[in-house]
Amino acid sequence: MITEVVMFPIRKDLTREQVVELYKSAVPAPRANPELVHESYLYDAERNRGGGIYVWKTIDAAKRRHDSEWCARMAQIFGGEPTFEYFETPVINDYAARLE
């Protein structure tokens, strides 16, 4: 598996609430992708940036989903081009049940 870390600048005129709503509106598309194992959205108000952490079955799946069209859309919505980092993910521990 591969963990993809995506970061992008967020326009200063967007409030936290607006950013969260934009994130929520994006959820149905990735959820339908069987190659996506996990996703978490990121928000850093101090540095006006956001992003996501995605766990994919393969790096090709990540790059197919976050293609040039997706990058252009993120730049238009949030105000800047995303950057990407990829890591091999040999072990995942999921503690989500603890949150309930």
PDB file of N, CA and C in Angstrom:
ATOM      1  N   MET A   1       0.829  -1.175   0.000  1.00  0.00           N
ATOM      2  CA  MET A   1       0.000   0.000   0.000  1.00  0.00           C
ATOM      3  C   MET A   1       0.877   1.243   0.000  1.00  0.00           C
ATOM      4  N   ILE A   2       0.242   2.358  -0.384  1.00  0.00           N
ATOM      5  CA  ILE A   2       0.936   3.637  -0.507  1.00  0.00           C
ATOM      6  C   ILE A   2       0.156   4.706   0.258  1.00  0.00           C
ATOM      7  N   THR A   3       0.868   5.504   1.035  1.00  0.00           N
ATOM      8  CA  THR A   3       0.259   6.680   1.649  1.00  0.00           C
ATOM      9  C   THR A   3       0.680   7.889   0.831  1.00  0.00           C
ATOM     10  N   GLU A   4      -0.313   8.659   0.439  1.00  0.00           N
ATOM     11  CA  GLU A   4      -0.106   9.884  -0.328  1.00  0.00           C
ATOM     12  C   GLU A   4      -0.469  11.068   0.568  1.00  0.00           C
ATOM     13  N   VAL A   5       0.469  12.008   0.716  1.00  0.00           N
ATOM     14  CA  VAL A   5       0.217  13.222   1.474  1.00  0.00           C
ATOM     15  C   VAL A   5       0.089  14.361   0.470  1.00  0.00           C
ATOM     16  N   VAL A   6      -1.069  14.992   0.473  1.00  0.00           N
ATOM     17  CA  VAL A   6      -1.363  16.089  -0.447  1.00  0.00           C
ATOM     18  C   VAL A   6      -1.514  17.364   0.370  1.00  0.00           C
ATOM     19  N   MET A   7      -0.834  18.433  -0.037  1.00  0.00           N
ATOM     20  CA  MET A   7      -0.948  19.727   0.633  1.00  0.00           C
ATOM     21  C   MET A   7      -1.206  20.810  -0.411  1.00  0.00           C
ATOM     22  N   PHE A   8      -1.999  21.806  -0.026  1.00  0.00           N
ATOM     23  CA  PHE A   8      -2.248  22.931  -0.928  1.00  0.00           C
ATOM     24  C   PHE A   8      -2.537  24.189  -0.104  1.00  0.00           C
ATOM     25  N   PRO A   9      -2.223  25.364  -0.683  1.00  0.00           N
ATOM     26  CA  PRO A   9      -2.545  26.612   0.008  1.00  0.00           C
ATOM     27  C   PRO A   9      -4.063  26.830  -0.006  1.00  0.00           C
ATOM     28  N   ILE A  10      -4.562  27.495   1.013  1.00  0.00           N
ATOM     29  CA  ILE A  10      -5.975  27.857   1.084  1.00  0.00           C
ATOM     30  C   ILE A  10      -6.075  29.380   1.082  1.00  0.00           C
ATOM     31  N   ARG A  11      -6.941  29.884   0.209  1.00  0.00           N
ATOM     32  CA  ARG A  11      -7.154  31.334   0.138  1.00  0.00           C
ATOM     33  C   ARG A  11      -7.533  31.885   1.516  1.00  0.00           C
ATOM     34  N   LYS A  12      -7.029  33.057   1.837  1.00  0.00           N
ATOM     35  CA  LYS A  12      -7.289  33.665   3.141  1.00  0.00           C
ATOM     36  C   LYS A  12      -8.746  34.073   3.333  1.00  0.00           C
ATOM     37  N   ASP A  13      -9.499  34.211   2.245  1.00  0.00           N
ATOM     38  CA  ASP A  13     -10.896  34.615   2.381  1.00  0.00           C
ATOM     39  C   ASP A  13     -11.820  33.446   2.722  1.00  0.00           C
ATOM     40  N   LEU A  14     -11.300  32.216   2.728  1.00  0.00           N
ATOM     41  CA  LEU A  14     -12.111  31.059   3.091  1.00  0.00           C
ATOM     42  C   LEU A  14     -12.054  30.839   4.597  1.00  0.00           C
ATOM     43  N   THR A  15     -13.219  30.712   5.217  1.00  0.00           N
ATOM     44  CA  THR A  15     -13.279  30.417   6.648  1.00  0.00           C
ATOM     45  C   THR A  15     -13.090  28.919   6.863  1.00  0.00           C
ATOM     46  N   ARG A  16     -12.825  28.540   8.091  1.00  0.00           N
ATOM     47  CA  ARG A  16     -12.708  27.123   8.430  1.00  0.00           C
ATOM     48  C   ARG A  16     -13.990  26.391   8.046  1.00  0.00           C
ATOM     49  N   GLU A  17     -15.127  26.982   8.339  1.00  0.00           N
ATOM     50  CA  GLU A  17     -16.410  26.357   8.030  1.00  0.00           C
ATOM     51  C   GLU A  17     -16.576  26.135   6.529  1.00  0.00           C
ATOM     52  N   GLN A  18     -16.163  27.090   5.731  1.00  0.00           N
ATOM     53  CA  GLN A  18     -16.244  26.943   4.274  1.00  0.00           C
ATOM     54  C   GLN A  18     -15.320  25.828   3.787  1.00  0.00           C
ATOM     55  N   VAL A  19     -14.124  25.770   4.340  1.00  0.00           N
ATOM     56  CA  VAL A  19     -13.179  24.717   3.954  1.00  0.00           C
ATOM     57  C   VAL A  19     -13.749  23.346   4.301  1.00  0.00           C
ATOM     58  N   VAL A  20     -14.297  23.206   5.496  1.00  0.00           N
ATOM     59  CA  VAL A  20     -14.871  21.923   5.915  1.00  0.00           C
ATOM     60  C   VAL A  20     -16.022  21.534   4.983  1.00  0.00           C
ATOM     61  N   GLU A  21     -16.858  22.482   4.615  1.00  0.00           N
ATOM     62  CA  GLU A  21     -17.965  22.180   3.697  1.00  0.00           C
ATOM     63  C   GLU A  21     -17.441  21.753   2.321  1.00  0.00           C
ATOM     64  N   LEU A  22     -16.385  22.397   1.857  1.00  0.00           N
ATOM     65  CA  LEU A  22     -15.777  21.991   0.578  1.00  0.00           C
ATOM     66  C   LEU A  22     -15.223  20.577   0.681  1.00  0.00           C
ATOM     67  N   TYR A  23     -14.593  20.255   1.792  1.00  0.00           N
ATOM     68  CA  TYR A  23     -14.099  18.893   2.004  1.00  0.00           C
ATOM     69  C   TYR A  23     -15.252  17.897   1.986  1.00  0.00           C
ATOM     70  N   LYS A  24     -16.311  18.199   2.722  1.00  0.00           N
ATOM     71  CA  LYS A  24     -17.456  17.286   2.795  1.00  0.00           C
ATOM     72  C   LYS A  24     -18.088  17.062   1.432  1.00  0.00           C
ATOM     73  N   SER A  25     -18.108  18.086   0.599  1.00  0.00           N
ATOM     74  CA  SER A  25     -18.709  17.940  -0.731  1.00  0.00           C
ATOM     75  C   SER A  25     -17.878  17.035  -1.638  1.00  0.00           C
ATOM     76  N   ALA A  26     -16.616  16.818  -1.291  1.00  0.00           N
ATOM     77  CA  ALA A  26     -15.733  15.968  -2.095  1.00  0.00           C
ATOM     78  C   ALA A  26     -15.803  14.499  -1.702  1.00  0.00           C
ATOM     79  N   VAL A  27     -16.406  14.192  -0.576  1.00  0.00           N
ATOM     80  CA  VAL A  27     -16.372  12.827  -0.043  1.00  0.00           C
ATOM     81  C   VAL A  27     -17.002  11.773  -0.945  1.00  0.00           C
ATOM     82  N   PRO A  28     -18.167  11.989  -1.565  1.00  0.00           N
ATOM     83  CA  PRO A  28     -18.774  10.898  -2.357  1.00  0.00           C
ATOM     84  C   PRO A  28     -17.899  10.350  -3.481  1.00  0.00           C
ATOM     85  N   ALA A  29     -17.148  11.191  -4.174  1.00  0.00           N
ATOM     86  CA  ALA A  29     -16.333  10.707  -5.297  1.00  0.00           C
ATOM     87  C   ALA A  29     -15.258   9.720  -4.860  1.00  0.00           C
ATOM     88  N   PRO A  30     -14.411  10.059  -3.874  1.00  0.00           N
ATOM     89  CA  PRO A  30     -13.390   9.089  -3.454  1.00  0.00           C
ATOM     90  C   PRO A  30     -13.984   7.828  -2.832  1.00  0.00           C
ATOM     91  N   ARG A  31     -15.106   7.972  -2.131  1.00  0.00           N
ATOM     92  CA  ARG A  31     -15.715   6.820  -1.470  1.00  0.00           C
ATOM     93  C   ARG A  31     -16.058   5.725  -2.485  1.00  0.00           C
ATOM     94  N   ALA A  32     -16.370   6.124  -3.699  1.00  0.00           N
ATOM     95  CA  ALA A  32     -16.744   5.162  -4.734  1.00  0.00           C
ATOM     96  C   ALA A  32     -15.530   4.465  -5.353  1.00  0.00           C
ATOM     97  N   ASN A  33     -14.314   4.887  -5.010  1.00  0.00           N
ATOM     98  CA  ASN A  33     -13.103   4.325  -5.608  1.00  0.00           C
ATOM     99  C   ASN A  33     -12.638   3.110  -4.792  1.00  0.00           C
ATOM    100  N   PRO A  34     -12.719   1.906  -5.371  1.00  0.00           N
ATOM    101  CA  PRO A  34     -12.335   0.709  -4.617  1.00  0.00           C
ATOM    102  C   PRO A  34     -10.843   0.601  -4.329  1.00  0.00           C
ATOM    103  N   GLU A  35     -10.027   1.440  -4.956  1.00  0.00           N
ATOM    104  CA  GLU A  35      -8.589   1.406  -4.712  1.00  0.00           C
ATOM    105  C   GLU A  35      -8.167   2.276  -3.527  1.00  0.00           C
ATOM    106  N   LEU A  36      -9.111   3.075  -2.998  1.00  0.00           N
ATOM    107  CA  LEU A  36      -8.837   3.941  -1.859  1.00  0.00           C
ATOM    108  C   LEU A  36      -9.164   3.204  -0.569  1.00  0.00           C
ATOM    109  N   VAL A  37      -8.170   3.113   0.315  1.00  0.00           N
ATOM    110  CA  VAL A  37      -8.331   2.400   1.579  1.00  0.00           C
ATOM    111  C   VAL A  37      -8.772   3.353   2.688  1.00  0.00           C
ATOM    112  N   HIS A  38      -8.198   4.554   2.721  1.00  0.00           N
ATOM    113  CA  HIS A  38      -8.471   5.512   3.800  1.00  0.00           C
ATOM    114  C   HIS A  38      -8.168   6.917   3.313  1.00  0.00           C
ATOM    115  N   GLU A  39      -8.901   7.890   3.874  1.00  0.00           N
ATOM    116  CA  GLU A  39      -8.570   9.296   3.628  1.00  0.00           C
ATOM    117  C   GLU A  39      -8.866  10.116   4.875  1.00  0.00           C
ATOM    118  N   SER A  40      -8.026  11.109   5.105  1.00  0.00           N
ATOM    119  CA  SER A  40      -8.208  12.078   6.180  1.00  0.00           C
ATOM    120  C   SER A  40      -7.910  13.451   5.596  1.00  0.00           C
ATOM    121  N   TYR A  41      -8.747  14.420   5.932  1.00  0.00           N
ATOM    122  CA  TYR A  41      -8.541  15.774   5.440  1.00  0.00           C
ATOM    123  C   TYR A  41      -7.808  16.607   6.484  1.00  0.00           C
ATOM    124  N   LEU A  42      -6.981  17.550   6.025  1.00  0.00           N
ATOM    125  CA  LEU A  42      -6.127  18.357   6.891  1.00  0.00           C
ATOM    126  C   LEU A  42      -6.471  19.841   6.752  1.00  0.00           C
ATOM    127  N   TYR A  43      -6.345  20.573   7.864  1.00  0.00           N
ATOM    128  CA  TYR A  43      -6.583  22.018   7.841  1.00  0.00           C
ATOM    129  C   TYR A  43      -5.625  22.695   8.815  1.00  0.00           C
ATOM    130  N   ASP A  44      -4.895  23.683   8.329  1.00  0.00           N
ATOM    131  CA  ASP A  44      -3.932  24.442   9.124  1.00  0.00           C
ATOM    132  C   ASP A  44      -4.259  25.921   8.961  1.00  0.00           C
ATOM    133  N   ALA A  45      -5.034  26.485   9.900  1.00  0.00           N
ATOM    134  CA  ALA A  45      -5.478  27.877   9.818  1.00  0.00           C
ATOM    135  C   ALA A  45      -4.307  28.857   9.939  1.00  0.00           C
ATOM    136  N   GLU A  46      -3.322  28.540  10.761  1.00  0.00           N
ATOM    137  CA  GLU A  46      -2.195  29.444  10.971  1.00  0.00           C
ATOM    138  C   GLU A  46      -1.396  29.689   9.703  1.00  0.00           C
ATOM    139  N   ARG A  47      -1.248  28.646   8.897  1.00  0.00           N
ATOM    140  CA  ARG A  47      -0.437  28.761   7.680  1.00  0.00           C
ATOM    141  C   ARG A  47      -1.283  28.751   6.414  1.00  0.00           C
ATOM    142  N   ASN A  48      -2.598  28.871   6.550  1.00  0.00           N
ATOM    143  CA  ASN A  48      -3.517  28.889   5.408  1.00  0.00           C
ATOM    144  C   ASN A  48      -3.209  27.776   4.419  1.00  0.00           C
ATOM    145  N   ARG A  49      -3.278  26.554   4.926  1.00  0.00           N
ATOM    146  CA  ARG A  49      -3.062  25.424   4.046  1.00  0.00           C
ATOM    147  C   ARG A  49      -3.947  24.261   4.474  1.00  0.00           C
ATOM    148  N   GLY A  50      -4.155  23.388   3.551  1.00  0.00           N
ATOM    149  CA  GLY A  50      -4.963  22.198   3.803  1.00  0.00           C
ATOM    150  C   GLY A  50      -4.425  21.057   2.982  1.00  0.00           C
ATOM    151  N   GLY A  51      -5.152  19.956   3.030  1.00  0.00           N
ATOM    152  CA  GLY A  51      -4.713  18.813   2.260  1.00  0.00           C
ATOM    153  C   GLY A  51      -5.397  17.548   2.705  1.00  0.00           C
ATOM    154  N   GLY A  52      -4.743  16.462   2.402  1.00  0.00           N
ATOM    155  CA  GLY A  52      -5.303  15.174   2.758  1.00  0.00           C
ATOM    156  C   GLY A  52      -4.228  14.115   2.850  1.00  0.00           C
ATOM    157  N   ILE A  53      -4.560  13.084   3.598  1.00  0.00           N
ATOM    158  CA  ILE A  53      -3.724  11.889   3.680  1.00  0.00           C
ATOM    159  C   ILE A  53      -4.570  10.750   3.153  1.00  0.00           C
ATOM    160  N   TYR A  54      -4.070  10.084   2.143  1.00  0.00           N
ATOM    161  CA  TYR A  54      -4.799   9.013   1.473  1.00  0.00           C
ATOM    162  C   TYR A  54      -3.974   7.740   1.506  1.00  0.00           C
ATOM    163  N   VAL A  55      -4.600   6.634   1.784  1.00  0.00           N
ATOM    164  CA  VAL A  55      -3.944   5.332   1.684  1.00  0.00           C
ATOM    165  C   VAL A  55      -4.567   4.619   0.501  1.00  0.00           C
ATOM    166  N   TRP A  56      -3.727   4.247  -0.435  1.00  0.00           N
ATOM    167  CA  TRP A  56      -4.150   3.614  -1.685  1.00  0.00           C
ATOM    168  C   TRP A  56      -3.577   2.208  -1.789  1.00  0.00           C
ATOM    169  N   LYS A  57      -4.208   1.389  -2.586  1.00  0.00           N
ATOM    170  CA  LYS A  57      -3.671   0.049  -2.851  1.00  0.00           C
ATOM    171  C   LYS A  57      -2.383   0.138  -3.657  1.00  0.00           C
ATOM    172  N   THR A  58      -2.302   1.119  -4.578  1.00  0.00           N
ATOM    173  CA  THR A  58      -1.105   1.286  -5.415  1.00  0.00           C
ATOM    174  C   THR A  58      -0.836   2.774  -5.655  1.00  0.00           C
ATOM    175  N   ILE A  59       0.389   3.089  -6.007  1.00  0.00           N
ATOM    176  CA  ILE A  59       0.733   4.473  -6.347  1.00  0.00           C
ATOM    177  C   ILE A  59       0.044   4.897  -7.644  1.00  0.00           C
ATOM    178  N   ASP A  60      -0.144   3.954  -8.561  1.00  0.00           N
ATOM    179  CA  ASP A  60      -0.844   4.276  -9.810  1.00  0.00           C
ATOM    180  C   ASP A  60      -2.273   4.738  -9.540  1.00  0.00           C
ATOM    181  N   ALA A  61      -2.929   4.113  -8.568  1.00  0.00           N
ATOM    182  CA  ALA A  61      -4.287   4.517  -8.215  1.00  0.00           C
ATOM    183  C   ALA A  61      -4.304   5.951  -7.698  1.00  0.00           C
ATOM    184  N   ALA A  62      -3.332   6.290  -6.874  1.00  0.00           N
ATOM    185  CA  ALA A  62      -3.244   7.651  -6.338  1.00  0.00           C
ATOM    186  C   ALA A  62      -3.055   8.659  -7.465  1.00  0.00           C
ATOM    187  N   LYS A  63      -2.155   8.367  -8.367  1.00  0.00           N
ATOM    188  CA  LYS A  63      -1.850   9.303  -9.448  1.00  0.00           C
ATOM    189  C   LYS A  63      -3.000   9.408 -10.449  1.00  0.00           C
ATOM    190  N   ARG A  64      -3.736   8.333 -10.630  1.00  0.00           N
ATOM    191  CA  ARG A  64      -4.915   8.407 -11.509  1.00  0.00           C
ATOM    192  C   ARG A  64      -5.975   9.320 -10.903  1.00  0.00           C
ATOM    193  N   ARG A  65      -6.202   9.207  -9.604  1.00  0.00           N
ATOM    194  CA  ARG A  65      -7.229  10.014  -8.944  1.00  0.00           C
ATOM    195  C   ARG A  65      -6.828  11.477  -8.865  1.00  0.00           C
ATOM    196  N   HIS A  66      -5.582  11.734  -8.540  1.00  0.00           N
ATOM    197  CA  HIS A  66      -5.113  13.106  -8.381  1.00  0.00           C
ATOM    198  C   HIS A  66      -4.301  13.527  -9.604  1.00  0.00           C
ATOM    199  N   ASP A  67      -4.986  13.530 -10.728  1.00  0.00           N
ATOM    200  CA  ASP A  67      -4.366  13.864 -12.013  1.00  0.00           C
ATOM    201  C   ASP A  67      -4.337  15.382 -12.221  1.00  0.00           C
ATOM    202  N   SER A  68      -3.910  15.815 -13.403  1.00  0.00           N
ATOM    203  CA  SER A  68      -3.773  17.250 -13.673  1.00  0.00           C
ATOM    204  C   SER A  68      -5.121  17.970 -13.618  1.00  0.00           C
ATOM    205  N   GLU A  69      -6.185  17.313 -14.000  1.00  0.00           N
ATOM    206  CA  GLU A  69      -7.518  17.916 -13.927  1.00  0.00           C
ATOM    207  C   GLU A  69      -7.906  18.171 -12.461  1.00  0.00           C
ATOM    208  N   TRP A  70      -7.649  17.196 -11.604  1.00  0.00           N
ATOM    209  CA  TRP A  70      -7.945  17.342 -10.176  1.00  0.00           C
ATOM    210  C   TRP A  70      -7.106  18.469  -9.584  1.00  0.00           C
ATOM    211  N   CYS A  71      -5.833  18.533  -9.953  1.00  0.00           N
ATOM    212  CA  CYS A  71      -4.946  19.588  -9.444  1.00  0.00           C
ATOM    213  C   CYS A  71      -5.460  20.974  -9.851  1.00  0.00           C
ATOM    214  N   ALA A  72      -5.882  21.111 -11.086  1.00  0.00           N
ATOM    215  CA  ALA A  72      -6.410  22.388 -11.560  1.00  0.00           C
ATOM    216  C   ALA A  72      -7.676  22.774 -10.804  1.00  0.00           C
ATOM    217  N   ARG A  73      -8.531  21.806 -10.530  1.00  0.00           N
ATOM    218  CA  ARG A  73      -9.757  22.067  -9.780  1.00  0.00           C
ATOM    219  C   ARG A  73      -9.433  22.519  -8.350  1.00  0.00           C
ATOM    220  N   MET A  74      -8.468  21.867  -7.698  1.00  0.00           N
ATOM    221  CA  MET A  74      -8.083  22.260  -6.349  1.00  0.00           C
ATOM    222  C   MET A  74      -7.494  23.671  -6.340  1.00  0.00           C
ATOM    223  N   ALA A  75      -6.685  23.986  -7.329  1.00  0.00           N
ATOM    224  CA  ALA A  75      -6.098  25.323  -7.421  1.00  0.00           C
ATOM    225  C   ALA A  75      -7.185  26.370  -7.598  1.00  0.00           C
ATOM    226  N   GLN A  76      -8.185  26.063  -8.400  1.00  0.00           N
ATOM    227  CA  GLN A  76      -9.288  26.999  -8.626  1.00  0.00           C
ATOM    228  C   GLN A  76     -10.107  27.187  -7.348  1.00  0.00           C
ATOM    229  N   ILE A  77     -10.401  26.114  -6.658  1.00  0.00           N
ATOM    230  CA  ILE A  77     -11.240  26.176  -5.453  1.00  0.00           C
ATOM    231  C   ILE A  77     -10.496  26.798  -4.276  1.00  0.00           C
ATOM    232  N   PHE A  78      -9.275  26.325  -4.026  1.00  0.00           N
ATOM    233  CA  PHE A  78      -8.565  26.718  -2.808  1.00  0.00           C
ATOM    234  C   PHE A  78      -7.516  27.804  -3.013  1.00  0.00           C
ATOM    235  N   GLY A  79      -7.052  28.001  -4.243  1.00  0.00           N
ATOM    236  CA  GLY A  79      -6.146  29.113  -4.498  1.00  0.00           C
ATOM    237  C   GLY A  79      -4.704  28.774  -4.787  1.00  0.00           C
ATOM    238  N   GLY A  80      -4.361  27.495  -4.904  1.00  0.00           N
ATOM    239  CA  GLY A  80      -2.980  27.154  -5.212  1.00  0.00           C
ATOM    240  C   GLY A  80      -2.823  25.698  -5.607  1.00  0.00           C
ATOM    241  N   GLU A  81      -1.747  25.409  -6.286  1.00  0.00           N
ATOM    242  CA  GLU A  81      -1.468  24.048  -6.758  1.00  0.00           C
ATOM    243  C   GLU A  81      -1.104  23.120  -5.596  1.00  0.00           C
ATOM    244  N   PRO A  82      -1.606  21.904  -5.612  1.00  0.00           N
ATOM    245  CA  PRO A  82      -1.233  20.937  -4.572  1.00  0.00           C
ATOM    246  C   PRO A  82       0.162  20.362  -4.808  1.00  0.00           C
ATOM    247  N   THR A  83       0.760  19.908  -3.712  1.00  0.00           N
ATOM    248  CA  THR A  83       2.013  19.152  -3.782  1.00  0.00           C
ATOM    249  C   THR A  83       1.738  17.748  -3.250  1.00  0.00           C
ATOM    250  N   PHE A  84       2.588  16.802  -3.637  1.00  0.00           N
ATOM    251  CA  PHE A  84       2.368  15.398  -3.308  1.00  0.00           C
ATOM    252  C   PHE A  84       3.637  14.758  -2.771  1.00  0.00           C
ATOM    253  N   GLU A  85       3.456  13.884  -1.777  1.00  0.00           N
ATOM    254  CA  GLU A  85       4.523  13.013  -1.292  1.00  0.00           C
ATOM    255  C   GLU A  85       3.934  11.615  -1.182  1.00  0.00           C
ATOM    256  N   TYR A  86       4.760  10.611  -1.445  1.00  0.00           N
ATOM    257  CA  TYR A  86       4.307   9.216  -1.419  1.00  0.00           C
ATOM    258  C   TYR A  86       5.223   8.391  -0.519  1.00  0.00           C
ATOM    259  N   PHE A  87       4.612   7.496   0.243  1.00  0.00           N
ATOM    260  CA  PHE A  87       5.343   6.645   1.161  1.00  0.00           C
ATOM    261  C   PHE A  87       4.826   5.225   1.072  1.00  0.00           C
ATOM    262  N   GLU A  88       5.712   4.264   1.069  1.00  0.00           N
ATOM    263  CA  GLU A  88       5.291   2.876   1.210  1.00  0.00           C
ATOM    264  C   GLU A  88       4.663   2.732   2.593  1.00  0.00           C
ATOM    265  N   THR A  89       3.578   1.982   2.669  1.00  0.00           N
ATOM    266  CA  THR A  89       2.858   1.807   3.938  1.00  0.00           C
ATOM    267  C   THR A  89       2.773   0.315   4.247  1.00  0.00           C
ATOM    268  N   PRO A  90       3.782  -0.239   4.906  1.00  0.00           N
ATOM    269  CA  PRO A  90       3.809  -1.674   5.145  1.00  0.00           C
ATOM    270  C   PRO A  90       2.899  -2.141   6.282  1.00  0.00           C
ATOM    271  N   VAL A  91       2.511  -1.211   7.178  1.00  0.00           N
ATOM    272  CA  VAL A  91       1.671  -1.586   8.329  1.00  0.00           C
ATOM    273  C   VAL A  91       0.646  -0.482   8.571  1.00  0.00           C
ATOM    274  N   ILE A  92      -0.593  -0.884   8.822  1.00  0.00           N
ATOM    275  CA  ILE A  92      -1.651   0.061   9.204  1.00  0.00           C
ATOM    276  C   ILE A  92      -2.314  -0.473  10.464  1.00  0.00           C
ATOM    277  N   ASN A  93      -2.418   0.383  11.462  1.00  0.00           N
ATOM    278  CA  ASN A  93      -3.194   0.083  12.664  1.00  0.00           C
ATOM    279  C   ASN A  93      -4.376   1.030  12.670  1.00  0.00           C
ATOM    280  N   ASP A  94      -5.577   0.495  12.729  1.00  0.00           N
ATOM    281  CA  ASP A  94      -6.793   1.310  12.673  1.00  0.00           C
ATOM    282  C   ASP A  94      -7.472   1.292  14.039  1.00  0.00           C
ATOM    283  N   TYR A  95      -7.550   2.448  14.651  1.00  0.00           N
ATOM    284  CA  TYR A  95      -8.142   2.564  15.976  1.00  0.00           C
ATOM    285  C   TYR A  95      -9.445   3.365  15.945  1.00  0.00           C
ATOM    286  N   ALA A  96     -10.103   3.426  14.799  1.00  0.00           N
ATOM    287  CA  ALA A  96     -11.316   4.217  14.647  1.00  0.00           C
ATOM    288  C   ALA A  96     -12.407   3.810  15.626  1.00  0.00           C
ATOM    289  N   ALA A  97     -12.494   2.566  15.986  1.00  0.00           N
ATOM    290  CA  ALA A  97     -13.523   2.101  16.914  1.00  0.00           C
ATOM    291  C   ALA A  97     -13.398   2.799  18.273  1.00  0.00           C
ATOM    292  N   ARG A  98     -12.220   3.266  18.602  1.00  0.00           N
ATOM    293  CA  ARG A  98     -12.021   3.966  19.874  1.00  0.00           C
ATOM    294  C   ARG A  98     -12.732   5.315  19.924  1.00  0.00           C
ATOM    295  N   LEU A  99     -13.047   5.865  18.736  1.00  0.00           N
ATOM    296  CA  LEU A  99     -13.674   7.177  18.659  1.00  0.00           C
ATOM    297  C   LEU A  99     -15.173   7.106  18.955  1.00  0.00           C
ATOM    298  N   GLU A 100     -15.743   5.948  18.948  1.00  0.00           N
ATOM    299  CA  GLU A 100     -17.195   5.803  19.133  1.00  0.00           C
ATOM    300  C   GLU A 100     -17.586   5.824  20.583  1.00  0.00           C
TER     301      GLU A 100
END
